[in-house]
Amino acid sequence: MDHVSDSKIFNRTDRSVLNIWWWTVDRWTMVAIFTLLLIGGFMSLSISGATGGRIGLDTFYLARHHLIMIPAAVIILLFFSLMTLRQLFWLSCIVLIGMIFLAALTPLIGTEIKGARRWIRLVGFSLQPSEFIKPAFALVAAWLLSHQPSPLKNWKGFLSSWGGSFLLYGLIIFLLIRQPDLGMAFVVSLTWFSQLFFAGLHRFWILIVLVGGVVGLLAAYTFLPHVAARVDRFLNPESGDNFQVNQSLAAFANGGLYGKGPGEGTVKRSIPDAHSDFVFAVIGEELGLIVCVFVVGIYCFIFLRGMSRLLRESSLFILLATSGILLSFTLQAMINIASAINLIPTKGMTLPFISYGGSSMLAVSMAMGMFLSLTRQRPGQIEGLP
């Protein structure tokens, strides 16, 4: 009996990789992520019959596909969270290069859906490269921006670090606009701008970047008809078709405080994107306001807990990479929720870990696996980077 404690699976004296990971990873954030996965799996069972039948699929197709993705997502999450900083950096470089190549091919050979080419078929799987570009770019950009020599003393080094980040950002935005995917471009831009701010960019250049962002938004409204149409419908609901938004708002009204009950909602039978962009409306109708607040609270918890861990961080690379990934994740969730309750113009963006979508699920799992690796406790040492 005296040796029982020594035989425990996660013994603090055990120096194995798995045991060290267990005692250094943020387990509360993992609990929050697994809670979102459970909610997503539950909602897929509720939505699959009504939505799948309407779009010509068998009753359990969406649920089956989503539930298959959950174990894959968990494996990816754990795989990336076990990595060292060096391994994380090099794998992010490989993912970013590969996904930029696929994103360049997507407008040429990708599948067109609702006037945009964002998906490409690979070995029977529909892949959205831009979903994987987000976390990989956040980490690579963090590495480039954390190497910030003085432009007066080492202009070549300055151009290869900060200049490399600017060029990489420009290439990614160009590829996203070609598809077009303005929502993803917005998230990538805001994430990168925040990294520039944390990296100590001079106020003058921050102002230039902000002006450039405003000019970009005005240009999108002026030259992209579908962007203008969505903004116009948001500002003046009578100017166009707002069927999905109106149905979404009606769903929240029908659900009330406690909801109509699991599977009892009707909005999923009429909204085309009930399984993806408007899954939050289904939650509101079937599970009620209390569960909606709970879901929002989980996303807020992940964000606030992540930021609280960064307050103790001394490595600029970890600070920039973690803040970029965390902001991208939170922005995606808030954009989806805000669209569902008509706080912003509608944007086709999934609710992380809950919405249906293989690319989104796997990419978000990769991002949060990176986040868990970056925020692991590393007392007294920072693993070297190339």
Protein backbone atom coordinates (compact mmCIF):
# COMPACT_ATOMS: atom_id res chain seq x y z
CA MET A 1 0.00 0.00 0.00
CA ASP A 2 2.97 2.33 0.58
CA HIS A 3 3.84 2.15 -3.10
CA VAL A 4 0.33 2.79 -4.47
CA SER A 5 0.96 6.51 -4.93
CA ASP A 6 4.15 5.77 -6.89
CA SER A 7 2.19 3.68 -9.39
CA LYS A 8 -0.29 6.40 -10.31
CA ILE A 9 -0.51 7.13 -14.01
CA PHE A 10 0.30 10.83 -13.61
CA ASN A 11 2.95 10.89 -10.90
CA ARG A 12 4.77 14.19 -10.48
CA THR A 13 8.11 12.39 -10.26
CA ASP A 14 7.65 10.67 -13.63
CA ARG A 15 9.67 12.52 -16.30
CA SER A 16 8.04 10.92 -19.35
CA VAL A 17 6.80 13.19 -22.15
CA LEU A 18 3.15 12.39 -21.47
CA ASN A 19 3.45 12.95 -17.74
CA ILE A 20 5.30 16.24 -18.13
CA TRP A 21 2.62 17.35 -20.59
CA TRP A 22 -0.15 16.49 -18.10
CA TRP A 23 1.36 18.59 -15.30
CA THR A 24 2.22 21.58 -17.53
CA VAL A 25 -0.79 21.87 -19.87
CA ASP A 26 -3.77 24.11 -19.04
CA ARG A 27 -6.31 21.44 -18.09
CA TRP A 28 -9.14 23.94 -17.45
CA THR A 29 -8.92 25.17 -21.03
CA MET A 30 -9.00 21.56 -22.20
CA VAL A 31 -12.18 20.98 -20.18
CA ALA A 32 -13.76 24.04 -21.85
CA ILE A 33 -12.78 22.78 -25.32
CA PHE A 34 -14.14 19.29 -24.67
CA THR A 35 -17.38 20.86 -23.42
CA LEU A 36 -17.75 22.70 -26.74
CA LEU A 37 -17.07 19.44 -28.61
CA LEU A 38 -19.82 17.69 -26.62
CA ILE A 39 -22.29 20.49 -27.36
CA GLY A 40 -21.36 20.33 -31.04
CA GLY A 41 -21.88 16.57 -31.16
CA PHE A 42 -25.25 16.89 -29.44
CA MET A 43 -26.40 19.62 -31.83
CA SER A 44 -25.33 17.58 -34.87
CA LEU A 45 -27.68 14.79 -33.78
CA SER A 46 -30.50 17.30 -33.38
CA ILE A 47 -29.94 19.10 -36.70
CA SER A 48 -28.92 16.25 -39.01
CA GLY A 49 -32.38 14.84 -39.79
CA ALA A 50 -34.07 18.11 -40.71
CA THR A 51 -31.16 19.74 -42.53
CA GLY A 52 -29.72 16.66 -44.21
CA GLY A 53 -33.04 15.66 -45.71
CA ARG A 54 -33.66 19.15 -47.06
CA ILE A 55 -30.34 19.27 -48.95
CA GLY A 56 -30.64 15.76 -50.35
CA LEU A 57 -28.58 13.76 -47.83
CA ASP A 58 -29.65 10.81 -45.73
CA THR A 59 -31.04 11.52 -42.27
CA PHE A 60 -27.86 10.85 -40.27
CA TYR A 61 -25.23 11.99 -42.78
CA LEU A 62 -24.39 15.30 -41.08
CA ALA A 63 -24.37 13.77 -37.60
CA ARG A 64 -22.28 10.82 -38.71
CA HIS A 65 -19.73 13.03 -40.44
CA HIS A 66 -19.53 15.45 -37.50
CA LEU A 67 -19.17 12.68 -34.90
CA ILE A 68 -16.38 11.08 -36.95
CA MET A 69 -14.57 14.42 -36.96
CA ILE A 70 -14.63 14.73 -33.16
CA PRO A 71 -12.07 11.93 -32.44
CA ALA A 72 -9.89 13.27 -35.27
CA ALA A 73 -10.11 16.74 -33.73
CA VAL A 74 -9.12 15.42 -30.29
CA ILE A 75 -6.11 13.58 -31.76
CA ILE A 76 -4.94 16.73 -33.58
CA LEU A 77 -5.49 18.83 -30.47
CA LEU A 78 -3.40 16.49 -28.30
CA PHE A 79 -0.75 16.00 -31.02
CA PHE A 80 -0.02 19.72 -31.31
CA SER A 81 -0.27 20.35 -27.57
CA LEU A 82 2.51 17.78 -26.97
CA MET A 83 4.97 19.58 -29.26
CA THR A 84 7.96 21.61 -28.20
CA LEU A 85 8.23 25.19 -29.44
CA ARG A 86 10.81 24.20 -32.06
CA GLN A 87 8.61 21.40 -33.41
CA LEU A 88 5.60 23.72 -33.40
CA PHE A 89 7.45 26.35 -35.42
CA TRP A 90 8.72 24.02 -38.12
CA LEU A 91 5.41 22.20 -38.54
CA SER A 92 3.63 25.56 -38.80
CA CYS A 93 6.02 26.56 -41.59
CA ILE A 94 5.25 23.33 -43.46
CA VAL A 95 1.48 23.73 -43.00
CA LEU A 96 1.60 27.39 -44.08
CA ILE A 97 3.59 26.68 -47.25
CA GLY A 98 1.34 23.77 -48.19
CA MET A 99 -1.89 25.65 -47.56
CA ILE A 100 -0.74 28.77 -49.41
CA PHE A 101 -0.02 26.54 -52.42
CA LEU A 102 -3.50 24.98 -52.20
CA ALA A 103 -5.12 28.39 -51.68
CA ALA A 104 -3.47 29.57 -54.89
CA LEU A 105 -4.98 26.59 -56.73
CA THR A 106 -8.45 26.91 -55.17
CA PRO A 107 -9.79 29.69 -57.49
CA LEU A 108 -8.67 27.59 -60.46
CA ILE A 109 -9.80 24.07 -59.57
CA GLY A 110 -11.81 24.56 -56.36
CA THR A 111 -15.49 23.84 -55.82
CA GLU A 112 -17.74 26.87 -56.28
CA ILE A 113 -20.35 27.35 -53.54
CA LYS A 114 -22.53 30.47 -53.36
CA GLY A 115 -20.30 32.33 -55.83
CA ALA A 116 -17.01 31.65 -54.00
CA ARG A 117 -14.26 29.09 -54.51
CA ARG A 118 -12.89 28.33 -51.05
CA TRP A 119 -12.85 24.54 -51.05
CA ILE A 120 -10.67 22.08 -52.91
CA ARG A 121 -11.23 18.32 -53.21
CA LEU A 122 -8.37 16.15 -51.93
CA VAL A 123 -8.70 12.36 -51.75
CA GLY A 124 -12.47 12.60 -51.39
CA PHE A 125 -12.24 15.26 -48.67
CA SER A 126 -13.38 18.86 -49.16
CA LEU A 127 -10.61 21.04 -47.72
CA GLN A 128 -10.70 24.79 -47.05
CA PRO A 129 -7.01 25.85 -47.02
CA SER A 130 -7.70 29.29 -45.52
CA GLU A 131 -8.89 27.68 -42.26
CA PHE A 132 -5.43 26.17 -41.73
CA ILE A 133 -3.61 29.30 -42.89
CA LYS A 134 -4.99 31.29 -39.92
CA PRO A 135 -3.19 29.53 -37.05
CA ALA A 136 -0.06 28.68 -39.04
CA PHE A 137 0.37 32.30 -40.17
CA ALA A 138 -0.22 33.59 -36.63
CA LEU A 139 2.66 31.46 -35.35
CA VAL A 140 5.08 32.14 -38.24
CA ALA A 141 4.30 35.87 -38.14
CA ALA A 142 5.00 35.83 -34.38
CA TRP A 143 8.43 34.35 -35.02
CA LEU A 144 9.21 36.96 -37.69
CA LEU A 145 8.00 39.87 -35.57
CA SER A 146 9.84 38.67 -32.45
CA HIS A 147 13.12 39.03 -34.37
CA GLN A 148 13.14 42.82 -34.61
CA PRO A 149 16.64 44.25 -35.10
CA SER A 150 17.03 48.00 -35.42
CA PRO A 151 16.59 49.15 -39.05
CA LEU A 152 19.50 51.58 -38.56
CA LYS A 153 21.98 48.97 -37.33
CA ASN A 154 20.85 45.91 -39.27
CA TRP A 155 18.53 46.82 -42.13
CA LYS A 156 18.92 43.42 -43.81
CA GLY A 157 17.77 41.65 -40.65
CA PHE A 158 14.93 44.13 -40.25
CA LEU A 159 13.68 43.50 -43.79
CA SER A 160 13.88 39.72 -43.38
CA SER A 161 11.86 39.79 -40.13
CA TRP A 162 9.29 42.60 -40.20
CA GLY A 163 9.46 42.92 -43.99
CA GLY A 164 8.95 39.17 -44.35
CA SER A 165 5.84 39.36 -42.17
CA PHE A 166 4.41 42.20 -44.30
CA LEU A 167 5.06 40.33 -47.56
CA LEU A 168 3.59 37.11 -46.20
CA TYR A 169 0.50 38.94 -44.98
CA GLY A 170 0.06 40.64 -48.36
CA LEU A 171 0.27 37.31 -50.19
CA ILE A 172 -2.32 35.67 -47.92
CA ILE A 173 -4.76 38.58 -48.21
CA PHE A 174 -4.39 38.55 -52.00
CA LEU A 175 -5.23 34.82 -52.09
CA LEU A 176 -8.23 35.26 -49.77
CA ILE A 177 -9.67 38.13 -51.82
CA ARG A 178 -9.34 36.08 -55.00
CA GLN A 179 -11.68 33.39 -53.63
CA PRO A 180 -13.31 35.73 -52.35
CA ASP A 181 -13.40 35.31 -48.56
CA LEU A 182 -13.61 38.75 -46.96
CA GLY A 183 -14.56 37.39 -43.54
CA MET A 184 -11.42 35.29 -43.33
CA ALA A 185 -9.34 38.19 -44.64
CA PHE A 186 -10.80 40.39 -41.88
CA VAL A 187 -9.95 37.87 -39.14
CA VAL A 188 -6.40 37.35 -40.47
CA SER A 189 -5.89 41.12 -40.77
CA LEU A 190 -7.13 41.95 -37.28
CA THR A 191 -5.05 39.11 -35.80
CA TRP A 192 -1.92 40.31 -37.58
CA PHE A 193 -2.55 43.96 -36.66
CA SER A 194 -2.82 42.96 -32.99
CA GLN A 195 0.52 41.15 -33.26
CA LEU A 196 2.10 44.27 -34.75
CA PHE A 197 0.77 46.29 -31.81
CA PHE A 198 2.10 43.85 -29.19
CA ALA A 199 5.44 43.68 -31.02
CA GLY A 200 5.93 47.41 -30.43
CA LEU A 201 5.26 48.91 -33.84
CA HIS A 202 5.60 52.69 -33.78
CA ARG A 203 2.37 54.66 -33.43
CA PHE A 204 2.88 56.28 -36.84
CA TRP A 205 2.96 52.91 -38.58
CA ILE A 206 0.02 51.65 -36.54
CA LEU A 207 -1.96 54.65 -37.83
CA ILE A 208 -0.88 53.85 -41.40
CA VAL A 209 -1.99 50.24 -40.98
CA LEU A 210 -5.36 51.30 -39.55
CA VAL A 211 -5.94 53.74 -42.42
CA GLY A 212 -5.03 50.96 -44.85
CA GLY A 213 -7.59 48.71 -43.18
CA VAL A 214 -10.34 51.32 -43.48
CA VAL A 215 -9.46 51.89 -47.14
CA GLY A 216 -9.61 48.13 -47.70
CA LEU A 217 -13.09 47.89 -46.16
CA LEU A 218 -14.35 50.80 -48.27
CA ALA A 219 -12.86 49.24 -51.39
CA ALA A 220 -14.56 45.92 -50.60
CA TYR A 221 -17.90 47.68 -50.23
CA THR A 222 -17.37 49.64 -53.46
CA PHE A 223 -16.05 46.92 -55.76
CA LEU A 224 -17.51 43.67 -54.40
CA PRO A 225 -21.29 43.51 -54.98
CA HIS A 226 -21.97 40.69 -52.52
CA VAL A 227 -20.24 42.64 -49.74
CA ALA A 228 -22.24 45.77 -50.53
CA ALA A 229 -25.47 43.74 -50.62
CA ARG A 230 -24.87 42.28 -47.15
CA VAL A 231 -23.99 45.64 -45.64
CA ASP A 232 -27.01 47.30 -47.29
CA ARG A 233 -29.36 44.58 -46.01
CA PHE A 234 -27.94 45.01 -42.52
CA LEU A 235 -28.35 48.79 -42.53
CA ASN A 236 -31.73 48.66 -44.29
CA PRO A 237 -33.50 45.30 -43.85
CA GLU A 238 -36.09 46.22 -46.47
CA SER A 239 -33.44 46.58 -49.18
CA GLY A 240 -33.06 42.83 -49.76
CA ASP A 241 -33.70 39.28 -48.67
CA ASN A 242 -33.10 38.79 -44.91
CA PHE A 243 -34.83 35.43 -44.62
CA GLN A 244 -32.08 33.63 -42.69
CA VAL A 245 -31.53 36.49 -40.24
CA ASN A 246 -35.26 36.91 -39.64
CA GLN A 247 -35.67 33.18 -39.04
CA SER A 248 -32.70 33.23 -36.69
CA LEU A 249 -34.14 36.05 -34.60
CA ALA A 250 -37.51 34.28 -34.53
CA ALA A 251 -35.78 31.14 -33.26
CA PHE A 252 -34.35 32.99 -30.26
CA ALA A 253 -37.78 34.47 -29.53
CA ASN A 254 -39.39 31.01 -29.73
CA GLY A 255 -36.78 29.46 -27.46
CA GLY A 256 -37.16 31.95 -24.66
CA LEU A 257 -35.29 31.31 -21.42
CA TYR A 258 -35.32 27.50 -21.33
CA GLY A 259 -35.87 26.50 -24.97
CA LYS A 260 -38.46 24.28 -26.62
CA GLY A 261 -36.48 21.15 -25.85
CA PRO A 262 -33.81 19.10 -27.68
CA GLY A 263 -34.95 18.25 -31.21
CA GLU A 264 -38.15 20.32 -30.91
CA GLY A 265 -36.95 23.36 -32.82
CA THR A 266 -38.36 24.31 -36.22
CA VAL A 267 -35.80 26.83 -37.48
CA LYS A 268 -33.45 24.05 -38.64
CA ARG A 269 -36.09 23.00 -41.17
CA SER A 270 -36.09 26.38 -42.91
CA ILE A 271 -32.62 27.95 -42.56
CA PRO A 272 -30.26 26.48 -45.20
CA ASP A 273 -27.18 26.98 -42.99
CA ALA A 274 -28.68 25.81 -39.69
CA HIS A 275 -25.90 23.22 -39.31
CA SER A 276 -23.05 25.70 -39.83
CA ASP A 277 -23.42 29.50 -39.87
CA PHE A 278 -26.66 29.57 -37.85
CA VAL A 279 -26.18 26.69 -35.43
CA PHE A 280 -26.32 29.21 -32.57
CA ALA A 281 -29.93 30.01 -33.56
CA VAL A 282 -30.81 26.31 -33.22
CA ILE A 283 -29.21 26.28 -29.77
CA GLY A 284 -31.26 29.35 -28.84
CA GLU A 285 -34.55 27.81 -29.96
CA GLU A 286 -34.06 24.31 -28.55
CA LEU A 287 -31.98 24.93 -25.42
CA GLY A 288 -32.87 28.53 -24.59
CA LEU A 289 -31.16 31.70 -23.47
CA ILE A 290 -29.49 30.11 -20.44
CA VAL A 291 -27.55 27.62 -22.57
CA CYS A 292 -26.70 30.36 -25.10
CA VAL A 293 -25.19 32.45 -22.30
CA PHE A 294 -23.34 29.34 -21.10
CA VAL A 295 -21.84 28.79 -24.58
CA VAL A 296 -20.77 32.43 -24.85
CA GLY A 297 -19.32 32.12 -21.36
CA ILE A 298 -17.14 29.19 -22.43
CA TYR A 299 -15.61 31.21 -25.27
CA CYS A 300 -15.07 34.15 -22.92
CA PHE A 301 -13.49 31.84 -20.35
CA ILE A 302 -11.01 30.47 -22.90
CA PHE A 303 -10.09 33.99 -24.02
CA LEU A 304 -9.74 35.48 -20.52
CA ARG A 305 -7.85 32.49 -19.15
CA GLY A 306 -5.48 32.60 -22.09
CA MET A 307 -4.86 36.32 -21.64
CA SER A 308 -4.28 35.87 -17.91
CA ARG A 309 -1.56 33.30 -18.63
CA LEU A 310 0.09 35.73 -21.06
CA LEU A 311 0.44 38.34 -18.29
CA ARG A 312 3.13 36.11 -16.78
CA GLU A 313 4.91 35.48 -20.10
CA SER A 314 8.39 36.89 -20.75
CA SER A 315 8.99 35.46 -24.24
CA LEU A 316 7.95 37.86 -27.02
CA PHE A 317 7.51 34.97 -29.45
CA ILE A 318 5.10 33.12 -27.15
CA LEU A 319 3.25 36.36 -26.37
CA LEU A 320 2.73 37.18 -30.07
CA ALA A 321 1.89 33.63 -31.18
CA THR A 322 -0.53 32.94 -28.34
CA SER A 323 -2.32 36.27 -28.58
CA GLY A 324 -2.69 35.85 -32.35
CA ILE A 325 -4.15 32.35 -32.13
CA LEU A 326 -6.39 33.25 -29.19
CA LEU A 327 -7.73 36.40 -30.87
CA SER A 328 -8.40 34.52 -34.12
CA PHE A 329 -10.32 31.81 -32.27
CA THR A 330 -12.38 34.30 -30.25
CA LEU A 331 -13.10 36.53 -33.26
CA GLN A 332 -14.43 33.56 -35.21
CA ALA A 333 -16.81 32.68 -32.39
CA MET A 334 -17.97 36.25 -31.84
CA ILE A 335 -18.54 36.88 -35.57
CA ASN A 336 -20.69 33.77 -35.85
CA ILE A 337 -22.75 34.65 -32.76
CA ALA A 338 -23.07 38.34 -33.70
CA SER A 339 -24.28 37.38 -37.20
CA ALA A 340 -26.92 35.05 -35.76
CA ILE A 341 -28.39 37.79 -33.55
CA ASN A 342 -28.08 40.48 -36.26
CA LEU A 343 -25.45 42.63 -34.56
CA ILE A 344 -23.28 42.64 -37.71
CA PRO A 345 -23.87 41.81 -41.40
CA THR A 346 -24.09 38.07 -42.01
CA LYS A 347 -20.81 36.30 -42.65
CA GLY A 348 -20.29 32.66 -43.46
CA MET A 349 -18.11 31.69 -40.51
CA THR A 350 -18.48 28.59 -38.36
CA LEU A 351 -18.87 28.45 -34.59
CA PRO A 352 -15.64 26.80 -33.33
CA PHE A 353 -16.04 23.15 -32.24
CA ILE A 354 -19.85 23.33 -32.58
CA SER A 355 -20.70 24.01 -36.23
CA TYR A 356 -20.64 21.29 -38.85
CA GLY A 357 -17.56 21.40 -41.09
CA GLY A 358 -14.54 19.13 -41.32
CA SER A 359 -11.96 21.76 -42.31
CA SER A 360 -13.10 24.15 -39.61
CA MET A 361 -13.13 21.47 -36.92
CA LEU A 362 -9.63 20.18 -37.74
CA ALA A 363 -8.13 23.65 -38.22
CA VAL A 364 -9.56 24.97 -34.94
CA SER A 365 -8.27 21.85 -33.19
CA MET A 366 -4.81 22.51 -34.64
CA ALA A 367 -4.99 26.14 -33.48
CA MET A 368 -6.03 25.29 -29.95
CA GLY A 369 -3.46 22.49 -29.79
CA MET A 370 -0.85 25.13 -30.63
CA PHE A 371 -2.35 27.39 -27.98
CA LEU A 372 -2.13 24.65 -25.32
CA SER A 373 1.49 23.96 -26.28
CA LEU A 374 2.45 27.63 -26.19
CA THR A 375 0.84 28.20 -22.78
CA ARG A 376 2.34 25.15 -21.08
CA GLN A 377 4.28 26.01 -17.94
CA ARG A 378 8.01 26.07 -18.68
CA PRO A 379 9.59 27.23 -15.41
CA GLY A 380 13.12 28.54 -15.71
CA GLN A 381 13.59 27.87 -19.42
CA ILE A 382 12.32 28.67 -22.86
CA GLU A 383 12.88 26.07 -25.52
CA GLY A 384 15.15 27.38 -28.25
CA LEU A 385 13.86 28.31 -31.65
CA PRO A 386 15.84 28.32 -34.89
